[in-house]
Amino acid sequence: MTTTTTVLPPPVQQRFSAKLLSTPQARLIHGAFAIPYEMPERSGDILRMRRYTRLATAPVPLGPAMNNPPVQTLNAVDIDARIDWYGTYILITKQVTLINEDPVLNEAAARLGQSMRETDDELIRDMLAGTASVLNCVNGVNGDNPTEITRADVNSVVATLQNNDADFITDMIEGEDRFGSGPVRDAYFGLADTNMIGQFENVNGFINKAQYPNQEGVLSSEWGSIGNVRFYLSSRGSVTTNGSLLGNDVYNIFIGGQESYAKIEQNGISAKFIYHPAGHGDDPIELRQTCAWRMAQVPRITNDAWIINLRATLA
């Protein structure tokens, strides 16, 4: 009988690599600019945030009689946010950990941590998509509604935020004597999907982050800037499937300033990893072990006038 590779046993035909391949991990951008709040334990599940409204100016002179001006009323706006709970787990039999060559429990812990952080990012993203004020791109030429993004659309959002007195997120980066670089303006943040890369780079005045004169404070998720907006991209950006007039996907670009939205966490359990060894609970002969995560949090827009969802399609 002729011996060929088809009759060799599996241990001879293959070798298991001791180095595991990397698991894809999305850049988590949607919570990067949220105001963090913590609710103490035993204090309910609703956080009330308060903002006092402006008083009217008083440009009229009191005059020689020095009469008292009209009285003003001090008013406030309350914003409530109710905590919700989230979690998931993995069940691993004892047999799996005894037979497998790779560190199953270590990988389970790492993947659960990734799941928790991506869930957190997704919750904030969907909250912004569902509640932020909407502005459609209208200055493009692709014939859709909304159109592709243009410099005029970005300028329109910046003007709206400026008119609403929204503060910039980042300060100006001054120009330096470095080849191919230029100054970067004071900027709001822009959160978008990675499918917008080509669209941003085609916009008039786009500056790639490699052209910034100083890289201090530049995040890996940042792609570049257009006017007074610096854009941060993720493969988990917000997309409304078939949401345009012509049935194309609509990309939601969240552009905002300081203190425009918040993330509220329950103190003590905001991000907890839980491991139960074999024999825990209803496992009398120690056959199963579980790994889990749980968290209690809620994202909330704190000022509707300071964040805008700029909706765009692809050119």
Protein backbone atom coordinates (compact mmCIF):
# COMPACT_ATOMS: atom_id res chain seq x y z
CA MET A 1 0.00 0.00 0.00
CA THR A 2 1.32 3.42 -0.96
CA THR A 3 1.38 5.93 1.91
CA THR A 4 0.16 9.40 0.92
CA THR A 5 -0.84 12.49 2.85
CA THR A 6 -4.49 11.42 2.68
CA VAL A 7 -3.90 8.54 5.07
CA LEU A 8 -1.70 10.33 7.58
CA PRO A 9 -3.30 10.94 10.97
CA PRO A 10 -4.40 14.53 11.82
CA PRO A 11 -1.47 15.23 14.21
CA VAL A 12 0.94 14.63 11.32
CA GLN A 13 -1.02 16.67 8.76
CA GLN A 14 -1.40 19.83 10.81
CA ARG A 15 0.27 21.83 13.52
CA PHE A 16 -1.63 24.11 15.86
CA SER A 17 -0.08 27.57 16.10
CA ALA A 18 0.48 28.69 19.67
CA LYS A 19 -0.12 32.31 18.66
CA LEU A 20 -3.80 33.20 18.31
CA LEU A 21 -4.94 35.48 15.51
CA SER A 22 -6.22 38.92 16.39
CA THR A 23 -9.94 39.43 16.79
CA PRO A 24 -11.28 42.46 14.86
CA GLN A 25 -12.05 45.34 17.23
CA ALA A 26 -13.92 48.45 16.19
CA ARG A 27 -12.76 51.89 17.30
CA LEU A 28 -15.12 53.02 20.04
CA ILE A 29 -15.74 56.68 19.29
CA HIS A 30 -19.27 57.45 20.43
CA GLY A 31 -18.55 57.75 24.13
CA ALA A 32 -15.31 59.69 23.73
CA PHE A 33 -16.92 63.11 24.15
CA ALA A 34 -19.73 62.26 26.58
CA ILE A 35 -19.90 63.90 30.00
CA PRO A 36 -19.32 61.09 32.55
CA TYR A 37 -21.69 60.87 35.51
CA GLU A 38 -21.82 58.31 38.30
CA MET A 39 -24.90 57.57 40.37
CA PRO A 40 -24.11 56.45 43.92
CA GLU A 41 -25.60 53.22 45.18
CA ARG A 42 -28.93 53.26 47.04
CA SER A 43 -29.99 56.53 45.42
CA GLY A 44 -32.64 55.39 42.95
CA ASP A 45 -32.23 54.72 39.24
CA ILE A 46 -32.98 58.20 37.82
CA LEU A 47 -30.41 60.98 37.61
CA ARG A 48 -31.85 64.48 37.32
CA MET A 49 -29.56 67.01 35.64
CA ARG A 50 -30.41 70.70 35.87
CA ARG A 51 -29.50 73.70 33.75
CA TYR A 52 -30.50 77.26 34.65
CA THR A 53 -31.73 79.38 31.77
CA ARG A 54 -30.28 82.74 30.83
CA LEU A 55 -31.49 85.98 32.34
CA ALA A 56 -32.45 88.82 30.00
CA THR A 57 -29.91 91.57 29.48
CA ALA A 58 -30.56 94.99 31.00
CA PRO A 59 -29.42 97.65 28.50
CA VAL A 60 -31.83 100.39 29.66
CA PRO A 61 -30.34 102.99 32.07
CA LEU A 62 -32.03 103.26 35.46
CA GLY A 63 -32.28 107.03 35.01
CA PRO A 64 -32.05 109.88 37.54
CA ALA A 65 -34.94 108.52 39.60
CA MET A 66 -33.04 105.28 40.15
CA ASN A 67 -36.22 103.23 39.98
CA ASN A 68 -35.91 99.48 40.30
CA PRO A 69 -36.02 97.66 36.94
CA PRO A 70 -38.60 94.92 36.24
CA VAL A 71 -37.97 91.80 38.28
CA GLN A 72 -36.75 88.68 36.51
CA THR A 73 -37.53 85.07 37.30
CA LEU A 74 -34.79 82.49 37.65
CA ASN A 75 -35.84 79.38 35.70
CA ALA A 76 -34.25 75.95 35.27
CA VAL A 77 -34.62 72.98 32.92
CA ASP A 78 -34.46 69.46 34.38
CA ILE A 79 -33.29 66.50 32.30
CA ASP A 80 -33.95 63.01 33.67
CA ALA A 81 -32.05 59.84 32.74
CA ARG A 82 -33.10 56.39 33.94
CA ILE A 83 -30.45 53.68 34.36
CA ASP A 84 -30.89 50.41 32.40
CA TRP A 85 -29.11 47.08 32.94
CA TYR A 86 -27.26 45.04 30.33
CA GLY A 87 -25.22 41.83 30.35
CA THR A 88 -24.32 38.53 28.75
CA TYR A 89 -22.31 35.41 29.60
CA ILE A 90 -20.46 32.37 28.27
CA LEU A 91 -20.82 28.83 29.63
CA ILE A 92 -17.72 26.63 29.25
CA THR A 93 -17.63 22.95 30.18
CA LYS A 94 -14.71 21.58 32.14
CA GLN A 95 -13.98 19.24 29.24
CA VAL A 96 -13.29 22.19 26.93
CA THR A 97 -10.62 23.70 29.20
CA LEU A 98 -8.95 20.31 29.76
CA ILE A 99 -8.75 19.33 26.08
CA ASN A 100 -8.05 22.60 24.25
CA GLU A 101 -4.48 23.77 23.77
CA ASP A 102 -5.36 27.48 23.70
CA PRO A 103 -6.23 29.40 26.91
CA VAL A 104 -10.02 29.33 26.51
CA LEU A 105 -10.81 31.17 29.75
CA ASN A 106 -8.36 33.97 28.98
CA GLU A 107 -9.88 34.45 25.54
CA ALA A 108 -13.39 34.29 26.98
CA ALA A 109 -12.54 37.12 29.36
CA ALA A 110 -11.01 39.20 26.58
CA ARG A 111 -13.96 38.70 24.22
CA LEU A 112 -16.45 39.49 26.97
CA GLY A 113 -14.60 42.72 27.69
CA GLN A 114 -14.76 43.60 24.01
CA SER A 115 -18.48 42.75 23.93
CA MET A 116 -19.17 45.03 26.89
CA ARG A 117 -17.29 48.03 25.49
CA GLU A 118 -18.83 47.63 22.04
CA THR A 119 -22.29 47.37 23.61
CA ASP A 120 -21.63 50.60 25.50
CA ASP A 121 -20.53 52.33 22.29
CA GLU A 122 -23.54 50.98 20.38
CA LEU A 123 -26.00 52.24 23.00
CA ILE A 124 -24.59 55.76 22.81
CA ARG A 125 -24.54 55.67 18.98
CA ASP A 126 -28.18 54.57 18.75
CA MET A 127 -29.25 57.17 21.32
CA LEU A 128 -27.63 59.93 19.25
CA ALA A 129 -29.21 58.59 16.05
CA GLY A 130 -32.64 58.50 17.65
CA THR A 131 -32.68 61.82 19.50
CA ALA A 132 -30.21 64.33 18.00
CA SER A 133 -31.52 67.19 15.87
CA VAL A 134 -31.31 66.34 12.16
CA LEU A 135 -29.85 68.36 9.29
CA ASN A 136 -29.70 66.86 5.79
CA CYS A 137 -26.86 67.51 3.36
CA VAL A 138 -28.38 69.47 0.47
CA ASN A 139 -25.45 70.95 -1.44
CA GLY A 140 -24.19 67.83 -3.20
CA VAL A 141 -24.81 66.79 -6.80
CA ASN A 142 -25.75 63.10 -6.55
CA GLY A 143 -29.48 63.87 -6.93
CA ASP A 144 -30.46 62.14 -3.69
CA ASN A 145 -31.98 63.51 -0.49
CA PRO A 146 -29.83 63.83 1.52
CA THR A 147 -26.97 64.43 -0.91
CA GLU A 148 -23.29 63.66 -0.43
CA ILE A 149 -21.46 65.84 2.09
CA THR A 150 -19.93 69.14 0.98
CA ARG A 151 -18.01 71.96 2.64
CA ALA A 152 -21.16 74.10 2.57
CA ASP A 153 -23.03 71.44 4.61
CA VAL A 154 -20.26 71.32 7.21
CA ASN A 155 -20.19 75.12 7.39
CA SER A 156 -23.96 75.15 7.91
CA VAL A 157 -23.66 72.86 10.95
CA VAL A 158 -20.79 74.91 12.37
CA ALA A 159 -22.80 78.12 11.94
CA THR A 160 -25.80 76.54 13.70
CA LEU A 161 -23.68 75.40 16.65
CA GLN A 162 -22.00 78.80 16.84
CA ASN A 163 -25.39 80.52 16.81
CA ASN A 164 -26.38 78.29 19.73
CA ASP A 165 -23.18 79.20 21.65
CA ALA A 166 -21.81 75.65 21.64
CA ASP A 167 -18.20 75.53 22.84
CA PHE A 168 -15.51 73.90 20.72
CA ILE A 169 -14.07 70.56 21.83
CA THR A 170 -10.47 71.16 20.74
CA ASP A 171 -8.38 74.32 20.56
CA MET A 172 -6.57 75.53 17.49
CA ILE A 173 -3.33 73.78 16.57
CA GLU A 174 -0.94 76.54 15.56
CA GLY A 175 1.08 76.21 12.41
CA GLU A 176 4.72 75.13 12.63
CA ASP A 177 7.65 75.10 10.25
CA ARG A 178 7.00 71.55 9.04
CA PHE A 179 6.73 70.47 5.42
CA GLY A 180 3.20 69.79 4.18
CA SER A 181 1.47 70.83 7.41
CA GLY A 182 -0.83 73.70 8.27
CA PRO A 183 -2.76 75.10 11.21
CA VAL A 184 -5.94 73.39 12.40
CA ARG A 185 -8.88 75.46 13.56
CA ASP A 186 -10.74 75.31 16.86
CA ALA A 187 -13.07 72.43 16.26
CA TYR A 188 -16.21 70.54 17.15
CA PHE A 189 -16.15 66.74 17.07
CA GLY A 190 -17.68 64.73 14.21
CA LEU A 191 -18.47 61.01 14.63
CA ALA A 192 -18.99 59.00 11.45
CA ASP A 193 -18.77 55.61 9.75
CA THR A 194 -15.58 54.53 7.97
CA ASN A 195 -17.49 54.35 4.66
CA MET A 196 -17.31 58.15 4.70
CA ILE A 197 -13.52 58.18 4.24
CA GLY A 198 -13.63 58.82 0.50
CA GLN A 199 -16.38 61.40 0.92
CA PHE A 200 -14.45 63.43 3.48
CA GLU A 201 -11.27 63.39 1.43
CA ASN A 202 -13.14 64.78 -1.57
CA VAL A 203 -14.53 67.73 0.38
CA ASN A 204 -12.95 71.09 -0.35
CA GLY A 205 -10.47 72.04 2.39
CA PHE A 206 -10.15 68.57 3.96
CA ILE A 207 -6.95 68.22 6.03
CA ASN A 208 -5.73 64.70 6.86
CA LYS A 209 -4.48 64.33 10.42
CA ALA A 210 -1.02 63.48 9.03
CA GLN A 211 -0.86 67.14 7.94
CA TYR A 212 -1.48 68.50 11.44
CA PRO A 213 1.59 70.44 12.58
CA ASN A 214 1.44 68.78 16.01
CA GLN A 215 0.20 65.26 16.75
CA GLU A 216 -0.24 65.78 20.48
CA GLY A 217 -3.72 64.69 21.59
CA VAL A 218 -4.62 63.24 18.18
CA LEU A 219 -6.58 59.97 18.59
CA SER A 220 -6.03 56.91 16.41
CA SER A 221 -9.69 57.09 15.34
CA GLU A 222 -9.33 60.64 13.98
CA TRP A 223 -9.19 60.89 10.20
CA GLY A 224 -8.91 64.61 9.58
CA SER A 225 -10.70 67.94 9.68
CA ILE A 226 -12.98 70.04 7.51
CA GLY A 227 -13.25 73.66 8.54
CA ASN A 228 -14.11 73.70 12.24
CA VAL A 229 -14.92 70.00 12.58
CA ARG A 230 -12.49 67.18 13.36
CA PHE A 231 -13.83 63.79 12.29
CA TYR A 232 -13.47 60.48 14.17
CA LEU A 233 -14.37 57.27 12.34
CA SER A 234 -15.46 53.76 13.29
CA SER A 235 -16.58 50.69 11.36
CA ARG A 236 -19.55 50.73 13.77
CA GLY A 237 -20.71 54.20 12.76
CA SER A 238 -24.39 55.01 12.49
CA VAL A 239 -26.06 54.03 9.20
CA THR A 240 -29.77 54.16 8.31
CA THR A 241 -30.24 51.40 5.75
CA ASN A 242 -32.12 52.45 2.59
CA GLY A 243 -33.07 55.70 4.30
CA SER A 244 -32.62 58.20 1.45
CA LEU A 245 -35.16 59.42 -1.10
CA LEU A 246 -33.65 57.06 -3.70
CA GLY A 247 -33.38 54.15 -1.26
CA ASN A 248 -29.66 54.46 -0.56
CA ASP A 249 -28.00 54.10 2.85
CA VAL A 250 -27.88 57.30 4.89
CA TYR A 251 -24.80 57.96 7.03
CA ASN A 252 -25.46 59.78 10.30
CA ILE A 253 -22.62 62.14 11.22
CA PHE A 254 -22.90 63.43 14.77
CA ILE A 255 -21.32 66.88 15.12
CA GLY A 256 -21.32 68.57 18.51
CA GLY A 257 -19.58 70.62 21.14
CA GLN A 258 -18.76 70.41 24.81
CA GLU A 259 -21.37 69.06 27.23
CA SER A 260 -23.78 68.13 24.45
CA TYR A 261 -24.49 64.63 25.77
CA ALA A 262 -23.75 62.48 28.79
CA LYS A 263 -23.25 58.88 29.89
CA ILE A 264 -24.58 58.01 33.33
CA GLU A 265 -23.31 54.88 35.10
CA GLN A 266 -24.38 53.16 38.30
CA ASN A 267 -21.48 53.39 40.73
CA GLY A 268 -20.00 50.01 41.69
CA ILE A 269 -21.48 48.00 38.81
CA SER A 270 -20.94 50.22 35.78
CA ALA A 271 -18.61 47.63 34.25
CA LYS A 272 -18.28 44.37 36.13
CA PHE A 273 -16.70 41.08 35.03
CA ILE A 274 -18.08 37.97 36.75
CA TYR A 275 -16.48 34.51 36.87
CA HIS A 276 -18.02 31.44 38.51
CA PRO A 277 -15.79 28.34 38.69
CA ALA A 278 -17.01 24.80 38.12
CA GLY A 279 -19.23 23.65 40.97
CA HIS A 280 -20.98 26.99 41.43
CA GLY A 281 -24.76 26.88 41.73
CA ASP A 282 -26.54 23.87 40.23
CA ASP A 283 -23.35 22.05 39.20
CA PRO A 284 -22.79 19.28 41.79
CA ILE A 285 -20.11 17.40 39.85
CA GLU A 286 -18.21 20.51 38.69
CA LEU A 287 -18.77 20.27 34.96
CA ARG A 288 -19.45 23.91 34.00
CA GLN A 289 -17.96 27.35 34.56
CA THR A 290 -19.31 30.70 33.45
CA CYS A 291 -17.84 34.08 32.52
CA ALA A 292 -20.08 37.14 32.28
CA TRP A 293 -20.29 40.90 32.23
CA ARG A 294 -22.97 43.28 33.38
CA MET A 295 -23.34 47.02 33.49
CA ALA A 296 -25.93 49.62 34.41
CA GLN A 297 -25.89 52.85 32.41
CA VAL A 298 -27.84 55.23 30.19
CA PRO A 299 -26.71 57.80 27.58
CA ARG A 300 -28.61 61.09 27.27
CA ILE A 301 -28.43 64.29 25.24
CA THR A 302 -28.05 67.18 27.67
CA ASN A 303 -28.45 70.07 25.22
CA ASP A 304 -30.29 69.55 21.92
CA ALA A 305 -28.89 72.79 20.54
CA TRP A 306 -25.29 71.67 20.88
CA ILE A 307 -25.30 68.46 18.80
CA ILE A 308 -26.58 67.85 15.28
CA ASN A 309 -26.99 64.71 13.19
CA LEU A 310 -25.76 65.66 9.71
CA ARG A 311 -27.22 63.04 7.34
CA ALA A 312 -25.43 62.22 4.08
CA THR A 313 -25.35 59.66 1.29
CA LEU A 314 -22.41 58.60 -0.86
CA ALA A 315 -21.46 60.38 -4.05
